[in-house]
Amino acid sequence: MSATIREKPQVPLDSTDSLWHSMETLMRALLLVLASFGLMAAAPAARSDAFPSETVRIIVPYAAGGIADVLARLVGARMESAFRQPVIVENKAGANGTIAQQFVAGAKPDGYTLLLGNTSTQVVNAHLYTKLPINIAKAFQPIGLIAASPMMLVVSASSPAGNVADLLAAARASAAPLNFGSAGNGSASHLSLVLLATQGKVSLNHVPYKGTAQIAPDLIGGRLDAYFDVPITAMPLLKSGKLKAIGVASRDSQPALPGVAPIAATLPGFEMTTWLGLFGPAGVPKERVDRLNRTLATILSEPALRQQLIDQGNEVRPGTAAEFEAFIAGEMTRIGEVIRAAGIKLD
């Protein structure tokens, strides 16, 4: 009986290549699966980095209905359309803006809580008060300048002064200092007259008021000789012919004030503006600051809004967050010098 030998079948020469091909196919499939899991895991993270993804708040340091509040709502409504997220304006008035500043400075630095700051809150207060609860220079991240409104030198329509040189000549010839009204100690109108007295080398009598409501009537009635005001509030009286503007505290002439020469034409370097801008708490990530800044710049380039601001006597000059920060640093130095020279303190 012959034995049957069963031999193990030989592997064909090309079967090894086939095996490797199968393994490669399997590995590729596995990598694709792993990659898809990675993408799925990364998707929520990507969504969480999208900004903004929730409500943005703009904190206004004044009561509703004022110039700052109206501007905040104009900008906020357009930001809401751009972000497709709610943008709400909250008014936190009191303590010359400090209440609103503290609220924003203490907020999470994520770009969702913003301050509508201005010359007074972000620059002047830092020099007028020695016991502030926050360090203004370090507590905020500048985001963007919205508008700057140069102060305007106003006199009664019956005043013989037709320009700044005339008023300075009258001040030098007067036996008693001319009476200048202001919205209060440390206000932009006060600082403007201090700067005028300093650069013009004249003596002026400061008459502080609680706000601006009574200043124009007293100027028209002859109880004051002049005062500085922002164009938006003085324009109605200019148009009515009761007051006249004899100078504007900006580098250049203003489109909304034809025929009104810059005070700097008589006193080189004379400049005093009140401005409004957006700030976040210190520490907001740069990419979010840039996103907010770009959106603000787009809003301010909208022809209708831009023209509305210009017609109100504002300068609209959007720039980068870094440029706004440099602008504020310059304001800190320049306005600080005016305040120190006059010895103004409010505490």
C-alpha atoms as a PDB file:
ATOM      1  CA  MET A   1       0.000   0.000   0.000  1.00  0.00           C
ATOM      2  CA  SER A   2       1.607   3.082  -1.115  1.00  0.00           C
ATOM      3  CA  ALA A   3       1.675   5.998   1.127  1.00  0.00           C
ATOM      4  CA  THR A   4       0.080   9.265  -0.023  1.00  0.00           C
ATOM      5  CA  ILE A   5       2.119  12.225   0.792  1.00  0.00           C
ATOM      6  CA  ARG A   6       0.127  15.411   1.036  1.00  0.00           C
ATOM      7  CA  GLU A   7       2.410  18.319   0.444  1.00  0.00           C
ATOM      8  CA  LYS A   8       1.634  21.845   1.588  1.00  0.00           C
ATOM      9  CA  PRO A   9       0.748  23.784  -1.534  1.00  0.00           C
ATOM     10  CA  GLN A  10       3.390  26.236  -2.585  1.00  0.00           C
ATOM     11  CA  VAL A  11       2.616  29.932  -2.354  1.00  0.00           C
ATOM     12  CA  PRO A  12       2.642  31.471  -5.784  1.00  0.00           C
ATOM     13  CA  LEU A  13       5.459  33.921  -6.374  1.00  0.00           C
ATOM     14  CA  ASP A  14       3.114  36.947  -6.616  1.00  0.00           C
ATOM     15  CA  SER A  15       1.031  36.162  -3.514  1.00  0.00           C
ATOM     16  CA  THR A  16       3.394  38.112  -1.211  1.00  0.00           C
ATOM     17  CA  ASP A  17       2.806  41.244  -3.265  1.00  0.00           C
ATOM     18  CA  SER A  18      -0.913  40.619  -3.041  1.00  0.00           C
ATOM     19  CA  LEU A  19      -0.685  40.254   0.742  1.00  0.00           C
ATOM     20  CA  TRP A  20       1.204  43.537   1.124  1.00  0.00           C
ATOM     21  CA  HIS A  21      -1.311  45.234  -1.124  1.00  0.00           C
ATOM     22  CA  SER A  22      -4.139  44.035   1.105  1.00  0.00           C
ATOM     23  CA  MET A  23      -2.349  45.240   4.222  1.00  0.00           C
ATOM     24  CA  GLU A  24      -1.738  48.655   2.643  1.00  0.00           C
ATOM     25  CA  THR A  25      -5.383  48.943   1.719  1.00  0.00           C
ATOM     26  CA  LEU A  26      -6.380  48.037   5.273  1.00  0.00           C
ATOM     27  CA  MET A  27      -3.961  50.559   6.766  1.00  0.00           C
ATOM     28  CA  ARG A  28      -5.217  53.319   4.487  1.00  0.00           C
ATOM     29  CA  ALA A  29      -8.776  52.586   5.457  1.00  0.00           C
ATOM     30  CA  LEU A  30      -7.808  52.614   9.140  1.00  0.00           C
ATOM     31  CA  LEU A  31      -6.005  55.938   8.757  1.00  0.00           C
ATOM     32  CA  LEU A  32      -9.030  57.438   7.038  1.00  0.00           C
ATOM     33  CA  VAL A  33     -11.233  56.293   9.891  1.00  0.00           C
ATOM     34  CA  LEU A  34      -8.841  57.727  12.473  1.00  0.00           C
ATOM     35  CA  ALA A  35      -8.594  60.977  10.534  1.00  0.00           C
ATOM     36  CA  SER A  36     -12.348  61.288  10.392  1.00  0.00           C
ATOM     37  CA  PHE A  37     -12.521  60.795  14.154  1.00  0.00           C
ATOM     38  CA  GLY A  38      -9.861  63.500  14.533  1.00  0.00           C
ATOM     39  CA  LEU A  39     -11.826  65.910  12.386  1.00  0.00           C
ATOM     40  CA  MET A  40     -14.973  65.174  14.331  1.00  0.00           C
ATOM     41  CA  ALA A  41     -13.147  65.799  17.590  1.00  0.00           C
ATOM     42  CA  ALA A  42     -11.679  69.025  16.252  1.00  0.00           C
ATOM     43  CA  ALA A  43     -14.999  70.356  14.964  1.00  0.00           C
ATOM     44  CA  PRO A  44     -16.396  71.369  18.358  1.00  0.00           C
ATOM     45  CA  ALA A  45     -13.105  73.090  19.189  1.00  0.00           C
ATOM     46  CA  ALA A  46     -13.238  75.002  15.922  1.00  0.00           C
ATOM     47  CA  ARG A  47     -16.791  76.028  16.625  1.00  0.00           C
ATOM     48  CA  SER A  48     -15.862  77.153  20.141  1.00  0.00           C
ATOM     49  CA  ASP A  49     -13.126  79.384  18.678  1.00  0.00           C
ATOM     50  CA  ALA A  50     -15.624  81.171  16.413  1.00  0.00           C
ATOM     51  CA  PHE A  51     -16.067  84.707  17.705  1.00  0.00           C
ATOM     52  CA  PRO A  52     -18.490  86.011  18.630  1.00  0.00           C
ATOM     53  CA  SER A  53     -20.783  83.083  19.317  1.00  0.00           C
ATOM     54  CA  GLU A  54     -22.911  84.741  22.008  1.00  0.00           C
ATOM     55  CA  THR A  55     -24.236  88.116  23.140  1.00  0.00           C
ATOM     56  CA  VAL A  56     -21.838  91.085  23.102  1.00  0.00           C
ATOM     57  CA  ARG A  57     -22.438  93.898  25.596  1.00  0.00           C
ATOM     58  CA  ILE A  58     -21.429  97.531  25.166  1.00  0.00           C
ATOM     59  CA  ILE A  59     -21.304  99.331  28.511  1.00  0.00           C
ATOM     60  CA  VAL A  60     -21.969 103.081  28.349  1.00  0.00           C
ATOM     61  CA  PRO A  61     -20.808 105.151  31.366  1.00  0.00           C
ATOM     62  CA  TYR A  62     -23.689 107.615  31.011  1.00  0.00           C
ATOM     63  CA  ALA A  63     -27.472 107.630  31.172  1.00  0.00           C
ATOM     64  CA  ALA A  64     -29.597 106.636  28.193  1.00  0.00           C
ATOM     65  CA  GLY A  65     -30.431 109.300  25.637  1.00  0.00           C
ATOM     66  CA  GLY A  66     -27.133 111.191  25.629  1.00  0.00           C
ATOM     67  CA  ILE A  67     -24.695 111.553  22.740  1.00  0.00           C
ATOM     68  CA  ALA A  68     -22.563 108.594  23.851  1.00  0.00           C
ATOM     69  CA  ASP A  69     -25.603 106.367  24.315  1.00  0.00           C
ATOM     70  CA  VAL A  70     -27.023 107.201  20.882  1.00  0.00           C
ATOM     71  CA  LEU A  71     -23.687 106.509  19.200  1.00  0.00           C
ATOM     72  CA  ALA A  72     -23.295 103.216  21.076  1.00  0.00           C
ATOM     73  CA  ARG A  73     -26.691 102.092  19.793  1.00  0.00           C
ATOM     74  CA  LEU A  74     -25.903 103.130  16.220  1.00  0.00           C
ATOM     75  CA  VAL A  75     -22.682 101.104  16.295  1.00  0.00           C
ATOM     76  CA  GLY A  76     -24.204  98.236  18.280  1.00  0.00           C
ATOM     77  CA  ALA A  77     -27.036  97.702  15.802  1.00  0.00           C
ATOM     78  CA  ARG A  78     -24.555  97.423  12.947  1.00  0.00           C
ATOM     79  CA  MET A  79     -22.275  95.110  14.931  1.00  0.00           C
ATOM     80  CA  GLU A  80     -25.267  92.866  15.577  1.00  0.00           C
ATOM     81  CA  SER A  81     -25.884  92.576  11.830  1.00  0.00           C
ATOM     82  CA  ALA A  82     -22.215  91.877  11.145  1.00  0.00           C
ATOM     83  CA  PHE A  83     -21.810  89.297  13.927  1.00  0.00           C
ATOM     84  CA  ARG A  84     -25.266  87.717  13.610  1.00  0.00           C
ATOM     85  CA  GLN A  85     -25.284  87.705  17.381  1.00  0.00           C
ATOM     86  CA  PRO A  86     -27.150  89.973  19.813  1.00  0.00           C
ATOM     87  CA  VAL A  87     -25.343  93.183  20.760  1.00  0.00           C
ATOM     88  CA  ILE A  88     -26.932  94.991  23.687  1.00  0.00           C
ATOM     89  CA  VAL A  89     -26.153  98.414  25.135  1.00  0.00           C
ATOM     90  CA  GLU A  90     -26.183  98.784  28.916  1.00  0.00           C
ATOM     91  CA  ASN A  91     -26.018 102.119  30.728  1.00  0.00           C
ATOM     92  CA  LYS A  92     -24.030 102.201  33.964  1.00  0.00           C
ATOM     93  CA  ALA A  93     -23.832 105.864  34.879  1.00  0.00           C
ATOM     94  CA  GLY A  94     -22.199 107.377  37.934  1.00  0.00           C
ATOM     95  CA  ALA A  95     -18.906 108.396  39.533  1.00  0.00           C
ATOM     96  CA  ASN A  96     -17.771 110.204  36.374  1.00  0.00           C
ATOM     97  CA  GLY A  97     -17.644 106.933  34.456  1.00  0.00           C
ATOM     98  CA  THR A  98     -15.830 104.907  37.099  1.00  0.00           C
ATOM     99  CA  ILE A  99     -18.745 102.526  37.764  1.00  0.00           C
ATOM    100  CA  ALA A 100     -18.835 101.423  34.131  1.00  0.00           C
ATOM    101  CA  GLN A 101     -15.047 101.224  33.994  1.00  0.00           C
ATOM    102  CA  GLN A 102     -14.868  98.965  37.036  1.00  0.00           C
ATOM    103  CA  PHE A 103     -17.536  96.697  35.595  1.00  0.00           C
ATOM    104  CA  VAL A 104     -15.696  96.213  32.301  1.00  0.00           C
ATOM    105  CA  ALA A 105     -12.229  96.019  33.859  1.00  0.00           C
ATOM    106  CA  GLY A 106     -13.464  93.178  36.078  1.00  0.00           C
ATOM    107  CA  ALA A 107     -15.182  91.267  33.274  1.00  0.00           C
ATOM    108  CA  LYS A 108     -13.759  88.120  31.707  1.00  0.00           C
ATOM    109  CA  PRO A 109     -11.305  89.222  28.982  1.00  0.00           C
ATOM    110  CA  ASP A 110     -13.047  87.342  26.187  1.00  0.00           C
ATOM    111  CA  GLY A 111     -14.230  90.239  24.026  1.00  0.00           C
ATOM    112  CA  TYR A 112     -17.896  89.922  24.967  1.00  0.00           C
ATOM    113  CA  THR A 113     -17.953  92.880  27.384  1.00  0.00           C
ATOM    114  CA  LEU A 114     -16.898  96.227  25.931  1.00  0.00           C
ATOM    115  CA  LEU A 115     -16.713  99.793  27.219  1.00  0.00           C
ATOM    116  CA  LEU A 116     -17.645 102.875  25.249  1.00  0.00           C
ATOM    117  CA  GLY A 117     -14.829 104.962  26.664  1.00  0.00           C
ATOM    118  CA  ASN A 118     -14.021 108.584  25.979  1.00  0.00           C
ATOM    119  CA  THR A 119     -11.508 111.330  26.642  1.00  0.00           C
ATOM    120  CA  SER A 120     -12.813 111.890  30.150  1.00  0.00           C
ATOM    121  CA  THR A 121     -13.024 108.280  31.337  1.00  0.00           C
ATOM    122  CA  GLN A 122      -9.859 106.975  29.695  1.00  0.00           C
ATOM    123  CA  VAL A 123      -7.494 109.953  29.937  1.00  0.00           C
ATOM    124  CA  VAL A 124      -8.673 112.913  32.008  1.00  0.00           C
ATOM    125  CA  ASN A 125      -9.785 110.914  35.056  1.00  0.00           C
ATOM    126  CA  ALA A 126      -6.349 109.335  35.303  1.00  0.00           C
ATOM    127  CA  HIS A 127      -4.892 112.793  35.985  1.00  0.00           C
ATOM    128  CA  LEU A 128      -7.719 114.389  37.976  1.00  0.00           C
ATOM    129  CA  TYR A 129      -8.137 111.657  40.587  1.00  0.00           C
ATOM    130  CA  THR A 130      -5.428 110.169  42.789  1.00  0.00           C
ATOM    131  CA  LYS A 131      -7.563 107.468  44.414  1.00  0.00           C
ATOM    132  CA  LEU A 132      -9.202 105.641  41.529  1.00  0.00           C
ATOM    133  CA  PRO A 133     -10.178 101.986  42.165  1.00  0.00           C
ATOM    134  CA  ILE A 134      -8.464 100.887  38.936  1.00  0.00           C
ATOM    135  CA  ASN A 135      -5.304 101.718  37.019  1.00  0.00           C
ATOM    136  CA  ILE A 136      -6.872 103.169  33.875  1.00  0.00           C
ATOM    137  CA  ALA A 137      -3.696 102.899  31.810  1.00  0.00           C
ATOM    138  CA  LYS A 138      -3.389  99.153  32.488  1.00  0.00           C
ATOM    139  CA  ALA A 139      -6.972  97.971  33.009  1.00  0.00           C
ATOM    140  CA  PHE A 140      -8.176  98.181  29.401  1.00  0.00           C
ATOM    141  CA  GLN A 141      -7.424  96.912  25.925  1.00  0.00           C
ATOM    142  CA  PRO A 142      -8.060  99.618  23.304  1.00  0.00           C
ATOM    143  CA  ILE A 143     -10.050  98.270  20.349  1.00  0.00           C
ATOM    144  CA  GLY A 144     -10.853 101.185  18.078  1.00  0.00           C
ATOM    145  CA  LEU A 145     -11.563 104.897  17.789  1.00  0.00           C
ATOM    146  CA  ILE A 146     -15.122 105.680  16.697  1.00  0.00           C
ATOM    147  CA  ALA A 147     -15.205 109.463  16.375  1.00  0.00           C
ATOM    148  CA  ALA A 148     -13.344 112.545  17.554  1.00  0.00           C
ATOM    149  CA  SER A 149     -15.131 115.851  18.027  1.00  0.00           C
ATOM    150  CA  PRO A 150     -12.906 118.948  18.189  1.00  0.00           C
ATOM    151  CA  MET A 151     -13.877 121.603  20.699  1.00  0.00           C
ATOM    152  CA  MET A 152     -15.225 124.802  19.197  1.00  0.00           C
ATOM    153  CA  LEU A 153     -14.708 128.335  20.556  1.00  0.00           C
ATOM    154  CA  VAL A 154     -18.087 130.078  20.674  1.00  0.00           C
ATOM    155  CA  VAL A 155     -19.104 133.676  21.394  1.00  0.00           C
ATOM    156  CA  SER A 156     -22.360 135.604  21.291  1.00  0.00           C
ATOM    157  CA  ALA A 157     -23.509 136.730  17.859  1.00  0.00           C
ATOM    158  CA  SER A 158     -23.154 140.326  19.090  1.00  0.00           C
ATOM    159  CA  SER A 159     -19.506 139.875  20.125  1.00  0.00           C
ATOM    160  CA  PRO A 160     -17.040 142.073  18.209  1.00  0.00           C
ATOM    161  CA  ALA A 161     -14.588 139.141  18.072  1.00  0.00           C
ATOM    162  CA  GLY A 162     -14.610 137.571  14.629  1.00  0.00           C
ATOM    163  CA  ASN A 163     -11.727 135.175  15.204  1.00  0.00           C
ATOM    164  CA  VAL A 164      -9.364 133.883  17.875  1.00  0.00           C
ATOM    165  CA  ALA A 165      -6.857 136.700  17.354  1.00  0.00           C
ATOM    166  CA  ASP A 166      -9.599 139.253  18.018  1.00  0.00           C
ATOM    167  CA  LEU A 167     -10.618 137.523  21.250  1.00  0.00           C
ATOM    168  CA  LEU A 168      -7.033 137.306  22.490  1.00  0.00           C
ATOM    169  CA  ALA A 169      -6.530 140.996  21.715  1.00  0.00           C
ATOM    170  CA  ALA A 170      -9.691 141.818  23.672  1.00  0.00           C
ATOM    171  CA  ALA A 171      -8.454 139.717  26.599  1.00  0.00           C
ATOM    172  CA  ARG A 172      -5.134 141.570  26.667  1.00  0.00           C
ATOM    173  CA  ALA A 173      -6.830 144.945  26.485  1.00  0.00           C
ATOM    174  CA  SER A 174      -9.452 144.195  29.122  1.00  0.00           C
ATOM    175  CA  ALA A 175      -8.992 145.541  32.642  1.00  0.00           C
ATOM    176  CA  ALA A 176     -10.541 142.335  34.013  1.00  0.00           C
ATOM    177  CA  PRO A 177     -10.156 138.769  32.727  1.00  0.00           C
ATOM    178  CA  LEU A 178     -12.767 137.618  30.203  1.00  0.00           C
ATOM    179  CA  ASN A 179     -15.344 135.209  31.624  1.00  0.00           C
ATOM    180  CA  PHE A 180     -15.270 131.725  30.132  1.00  0.00           C
ATOM    181  CA  GLY A 181     -17.962 129.203  31.017  1.00  0.00           C
ATOM    182  CA  SER A 182     -17.327 125.471  31.237  1.00  0.00           C
ATOM    183  CA  ALA A 183     -19.231 122.272  31.959  1.00  0.00           C
ATOM    184  CA  GLY A 184     -17.314 121.910  35.223  1.00  0.00           C
ATOM    185  CA  ASN A 185     -13.824 121.473  36.645  1.00  0.00           C
ATOM    186  CA  GLY A 186     -11.779 119.092  34.545  1.00  0.00           C
ATOM    187  CA  SER A 187     -14.261 119.054  31.668  1.00  0.00           C
ATOM    188  CA  ALA A 188     -13.072 119.342  28.070  1.00  0.00           C
ATOM    189  CA  SER A 189     -14.391 122.911  27.955  1.00  0.00           C
ATOM    190  CA  HIS A 190     -12.356 123.744  31.079  1.00  0.00           C
ATOM    191  CA  LEU A 191      -9.176 122.171  29.705  1.00  0.00           C
ATOM    192  CA  SER A 192      -9.678 124.022  26.417  1.00  0.00           C
ATOM    193  CA  LEU A 193      -9.792 127.432  28.097  1.00  0.00           C
ATOM    194  CA  VAL A 194      -6.741 126.514  30.205  1.00  0.00           C
ATOM    195  CA  LEU A 195      -4.882 125.660  27.005  1.00  0.00           C
ATOM    196  CA  LEU A 196      -6.049 128.907  25.379  1.00  0.00           C
ATOM    197  CA  ALA A 197      -4.893 130.976  28.353  1.00  0.00           C
ATOM    198  CA  THR A 198      -1.537 129.184  28.438  1.00  0.00           C
ATOM    199  CA  GLN A 199      -0.734 129.322  24.730  1.00  0.00           C
ATOM    200  CA  GLY A 200      -2.325 132.729  24.205  1.00  0.00           C
ATOM    201  CA  LYS A 201      -0.559 134.148  27.268  1.00  0.00           C
ATOM    202  CA  VAL A 202      -3.720 135.793  28.593  1.00  0.00           C
ATOM    203  CA  SER A 203      -5.664 135.723  31.846  1.00  0.00           C
ATOM    204  CA  LEU A 204      -9.144 134.164  31.649  1.00  0.00           C
ATOM    205  CA  ASN A 205     -11.722 133.777  34.408  1.00  0.00           C
ATOM    206  CA  HIS A 206     -13.120 130.254  34.682  1.00  0.00           C
ATOM    207  CA  VAL A 207     -16.850 130.058  35.461  1.00  0.00           C
ATOM    208  CA  PRO A 208     -17.752 126.387  36.047  1.00  0.00           C
ATOM    209  CA  TYR A 209     -21.336 125.203  35.562  1.00  0.00           C
ATOM    210  CA  LYS A 210     -23.018 121.942  36.470  1.00  0.00           C
ATOM    211  CA  GLY A 211     -23.427 120.761  32.896  1.00  0.00           C
ATOM    212  CA  THR A 212     -23.987 122.842  29.783  1.00  0.00           C
ATOM    213  CA  ALA A 213     -27.696 123.748  29.839  1.00  0.00           C
ATOM    214  CA  GLN A 214     -27.257 127.241  31.307  1.00  0.00           C
ATOM    215  CA  ILE A 215     -24.025 128.217  29.566  1.00  0.00           C
ATOM    216  CA  ALA A 216     -25.486 129.267  26.206  1.00  0.00           C
ATOM    217  CA  PRO A 217     -28.265 131.414  27.737  1.00  0.00           C
ATOM    218  CA  ASP A 218     -25.683 133.194  29.904  1.00  0.00           C
ATOM    219  CA  LEU A 219     -23.439 133.732  26.890  1.00  0.00           C
ATOM    220  CA  ILE A 220     -26.321 135.131  24.841  1.00  0.00           C
ATOM    221  CA  GLY A 221     -27.340 137.293  27.804  1.00  0.00           C
ATOM    222  CA  GLY A 222     -23.871 138.812  28.135  1.00  0.00           C
ATOM    223  CA  ARG A 223     -22.929 137.216  31.457  1.00  0.00           C
ATOM    224  CA  LEU A 224     -20.141 135.263  29.738  1.00  0.00           C
ATOM    225  CA  ASP A 225     -17.671 136.283  27.044  1.00  0.00           C
ATOM    226  CA  ALA A 226     -17.007 132.879  25.493  1.00  0.00           C
ATOM    227  CA  TYR A 227     -16.935 129.135  26.028  1.00  0.00           C
ATOM    228  CA  PHE A 228     -15.804 125.950  24.335  1.00  0.00           C
ATOM    229  CA  ASP A 229     -18.369 123.388  23.223  1.00  0.00           C
ATOM    230  CA  VAL A 230     -18.636 120.365  20.953  1.00  0.00           C
ATOM    231  CA  PRO A 231     -20.202 121.085  17.549  1.00  0.00           C
ATOM    232  CA  ILE A 232     -23.183 118.747  17.911  1.00  0.00           C
ATOM    233  CA  THR A 233     -24.624 120.700  20.860  1.00  0.00           C
ATOM    234  CA  ALA A 234     -23.659 124.190  19.651  1.00  0.00           C
ATOM    235  CA  MET A 235     -24.766 123.824  16.020  1.00  0.00           C
ATOM    236  CA  PRO A 236     -28.481 124.540  16.585  1.00  0.00           C
ATOM    237  CA  LEU A 237     -27.610 127.881  18.226  1.00  0.00           C
ATOM    238  CA  LEU A 238     -25.110 128.671  15.483  1.00  0.00           C
ATOM    239  CA  LYS A 239     -27.741 128.025  12.826  1.00  0.00           C
ATOM    240  CA  SER A 240     -30.271 130.155  14.702  1.00  0.00           C
ATOM    241  CA  GLY A 241     -27.845 133.079  14.624  1.00  0.00           C
ATOM    242  CA  LYS A 242     -27.692 133.460  18.407  1.00  0.00           C
ATOM    243  CA  LEU A 243     -24.065 132.318  18.656  1.00  0.00           C
ATOM    244  CA  LYS A 244     -21.079 132.285  16.363  1.00  0.00           C
ATOM    245  CA  ALA A 245     -18.013 130.057  16.217  1.00  0.00           C
ATOM    246  CA  ILE A 246     -14.666 131.818  15.939  1.00  0.00           C
ATOM    247  CA  GLY A 247     -12.296 128.848  16.073  1.00  0.00           C
ATOM    248  CA  VAL A 248     -12.096 125.069  16.151  1.00  0.00           C
ATOM    249  CA  ALA A 249      -9.544 123.131  18.198  1.00  0.00           C
ATOM    250  CA  SER A 250      -8.446 120.734  15.461  1.00  0.00           C
ATOM    251  CA  ARG A 251      -5.456 120.499  13.162  1.00  0.00           C
ATOM    252  CA  ASP A 252      -7.575 121.092  10.070  1.00  0.00           C
ATOM    253  CA  SER A 253     -10.788 122.870   9.119  1.00  0.00           C
ATOM    254  CA  GLN A 254     -13.983 120.865   9.606  1.00  0.00           C
ATOM    255  CA  PRO A 255     -16.451 120.195   6.760  1.00  0.00           C
ATOM    256  CA  ALA A 256     -19.394 120.826   9.098  1.00  0.00           C
ATOM    257  CA  LEU A 257     -17.964 124.219  10.117  1.00  0.00           C
ATOM    258  CA  PRO A 258     -17.246 126.099   6.889  1.00  0.00           C
ATOM    259  CA  GLY A 259     -15.460 129.372   7.423  1.00  0.00           C
ATOM    260  CA  VAL A 260     -14.340 128.488  10.950  1.00  0.00           C
ATOM    261  CA  ALA A 261     -10.546 128.460  11.057  1.00  0.00           C
ATOM    262  CA  PRO A 262      -8.501 126.105  13.244  1.00  0.00           C
ATOM    263  CA  ILE A 263      -7.241 127.827  16.394  1.00  0.00           C
ATOM    264  CA  ALA A 264      -3.886 126.289  15.484  1.00  0.00           C
ATOM    265  CA  ALA A 265      -3.630 128.829  12.661  1.00  0.00           C
ATOM    266  CA  THR A 266      -3.188 131.464  15.388  1.00  0.00           C
ATOM    267  CA  LEU A 267      -1.719 129.309  18.159  1.00  0.00           C
ATOM    268  CA  PRO A 268       0.357 126.542  16.526  1.00  0.00           C
ATOM    269  CA  GLY A 269      -0.276 123.083  17.945  1.00  0.00           C
ATOM    270  CA  PHE A 270      -3.556 124.017  19.637  1.00  0.00           C
ATOM    271  CA  GLU A 271      -5.733 120.915  19.700  1.00  0.00           C
ATOM    272  CA  MET A 272      -8.431 119.653  22.049  1.00  0.00           C
ATOM    273  CA  THR A 273     -10.891 116.965  21.050  1.00  0.00           C
ATOM    274  CA  THR A 274     -13.412 114.802  22.796  1.00  0.00           C
ATOM    275  CA  TRP A 275     -13.492 111.305  21.396  1.00  0.00           C
ATOM    276  CA  LEU A 276     -15.319 108.010  21.788  1.00  0.00           C
ATOM    277  CA  GLY A 277     -13.905 104.531  21.300  1.00  0.00           C
ATOM    278  CA  LEU A 278     -14.358 100.885  22.205  1.00  0.00           C
ATOM    279  CA  PHE A 279     -12.326  99.133  24.906  1.00  0.00           C
ATOM    280  CA  GLY A 280     -12.254  95.668  26.388  1.00  0.00           C
ATOM    281  CA  PRO A 281     -10.733  94.537  29.658  1.00  0.00           C
ATOM    282  CA  ALA A 282      -6.986  93.971  29.544  1.00  0.00           C
ATOM    283  CA  GLY A 283      -6.099  90.514  28.267  1.00  0.00           C
ATOM    284  CA  VAL A 284      -8.566  90.083  25.398  1.00  0.00           C
ATOM    285  CA  PRO A 285      -6.893  87.743  22.850  1.00  0.00           C
ATOM    286  CA  LYS A 286      -5.358  89.596  19.916  1.00  0.00           C
ATOM    287  CA  GLU A 287      -7.383  87.725  17.307  1.00  0.00           C
ATOM    288  CA  ARG A 288     -10.589  88.857  19.006  1.00  0.00           C
ATOM    289  CA  VAL A 289      -9.361  92.428  19.332  1.00  0.00           C
ATOM    290  CA  ASP A 290      -8.555  92.395  15.621  1.00  0.00           C
ATOM    291  CA  ARG A 291     -11.963  90.932  14.762  1.00  0.00           C
ATOM    292  CA  LEU A 292     -13.743  93.650  16.733  1.00  0.00           C
ATOM    293  CA  ASN A 293     -11.501  96.339  15.249  1.00  0.00           C
ATOM    294  CA  ARG A 294     -12.063  95.189  11.652  1.00  0.00           C
ATOM    295  CA  THR A 295     -15.810  95.101  12.194  1.00  0.00           C
ATOM    296  CA  LEU A 296     -15.777  98.605  13.662  1.00  0.00           C
ATOM    297  CA  ALA A 297     -13.731  99.905  10.725  1.00  0.00           C
ATOM    298  CA  THR A 298     -16.218  98.376   8.279  1.00  0.00           C
ATOM    299  CA  ILE A 299     -19.126  99.983  10.142  1.00  0.00           C
ATOM    300  CA  LEU A 300     -17.453 103.406  10.113  1.00  0.00           C
ATOM    301  CA  SER A 301     -16.812 103.145   6.375  1.00  0.00           C
ATOM    302  CA  GLU A 302     -20.564 102.858   5.749  1.00  0.00           C
ATOM    303  CA  PRO A 303     -21.269 106.067   3.769  1.00  0.00           C
ATOM    304  CA  ALA A 304     -24.537 107.023   5.504  1.00  0.00           C
ATOM    305  CA  LEU A 305     -23.189 106.629   9.051  1.00  0.00           C
ATOM    306  CA  ARG A 306     -19.876 108.253   8.192  1.00  0.00           C
ATOM    307  CA  GLN A 307     -21.611 111.295   6.698  1.00  0.00           C
ATOM    308  CA  GLN A 308     -23.973 111.531   9.664  1.00  0.00           C
ATOM    309  CA  LEU A 309     -21.012 111.699  12.045  1.00  0.00           C
ATOM    310  CA  ILE A 310     -19.174 114.254   9.892  1.00  0.00           C
ATOM    311  CA  ASP A 311     -22.281 116.443   9.638  1.00  0.00           C
ATOM    312  CA  GLN A 312     -22.371 116.501  13.443  1.00  0.00           C
ATOM    313  CA  GLY A 313     -18.863 117.955  13.515  1.00  0.00           C
ATOM    314  CA  ASN A 314     -16.979 114.707  14.119  1.00  0.00           C
ATOM    315  CA  GLU A 315     -13.789 113.428  12.588  1.00  0.00           C
ATOM    316  CA  VAL A 316     -14.117 109.779  11.547  1.00  0.00           C
ATOM    317  CA  ARG A 317     -10.698 108.183  11.418  1.00  0.00           C
ATOM    318  CA  PRO A 318     -10.759 104.432  12.044  1.00  0.00           C
ATOM    319  CA  GLY A 319      -7.434 102.678  12.428  1.00  0.00           C
ATOM    320  CA  THR A 320      -5.920  99.572  13.956  1.00  0.00           C
ATOM    321  CA  ALA A 321      -6.084  98.738  17.644  1.00  0.00           C
ATOM    322  CA  ALA A 322      -2.359  99.466  17.887  1.00  0.00           C
ATOM    323  CA  GLU A 323      -2.871 102.915  16.351  1.00  0.00           C
ATOM    324  CA  PHE A 324      -5.688 103.628  18.806  1.00  0.00           C
ATOM    325  CA  GLU A 325      -3.455 102.559  21.684  1.00  0.00           C
ATOM    326  CA  ALA A 326      -0.704 104.909  20.477  1.00  0.00           C
ATOM    327  CA  PHE A 327      -3.242 107.722  20.120  1.00  0.00           C
ATOM    328  CA  ILE A 328      -4.366 107.263  23.733  1.00  0.00           C
ATOM    329  CA  ALA A 329      -0.768 107.270  24.950  1.00  0.00           C
ATOM    330  CA  GLY A 330      -0.275 110.602  23.190  1.00  0.00           C
ATOM    331  CA  GLU A 331      -3.464 111.966  24.753  1.00  0.00           C
ATOM    332  CA  MET A 332      -2.278 110.847  28.192  1.00  0.00           C
ATOM    333  CA  THR A 333       0.899 112.871  27.773  1.00  0.00           C
ATOM    334  CA  ARG A 334      -0.594 115.956  26.138  1.00  0.00           C
ATOM    335  CA  ILE A 335      -3.681 116.347  28.334  1.00  0.00           C
ATOM    336  CA  GLY A 336      -1.725 115.383  31.438  1.00  0.00           C
ATOM    337  CA  GLU A 337       0.591 118.334  30.829  1.00  0.00           C
ATOM    338  CA  VAL A 338      -2.380 120.730  30.598  1.00  0.00           C
ATOM    339  CA  ILE A 339      -3.904 119.437  33.836  1.00  0.00           C
ATOM    340  CA  ARG A 340      -0.628 119.523  35.759  1.00  0.00           C
ATOM    341  CA  ALA A 341       0.171 123.030  34.537  1.00  0.00           C
ATOM    342  CA  ALA A 342      -3.210 124.250  35.782  1.00  0.00           C
ATOM    343  CA  GLY A 343      -2.972 122.294  39.048  1.00  0.00           C
ATOM    344  CA  ILE A 344      -6.438 120.766  38.603  1.00  0.00           C
ATOM    345  CA  LYS A 345      -7.388 117.982  41.051  1.00  0.00           C
ATOM    346  CA  LEU A 346     -10.808 116.631  41.981  1.00  0.00           C
ATOM    347  CA  ASP A 347      -9.952 114.602  45.096  1.00  0.00           C
END
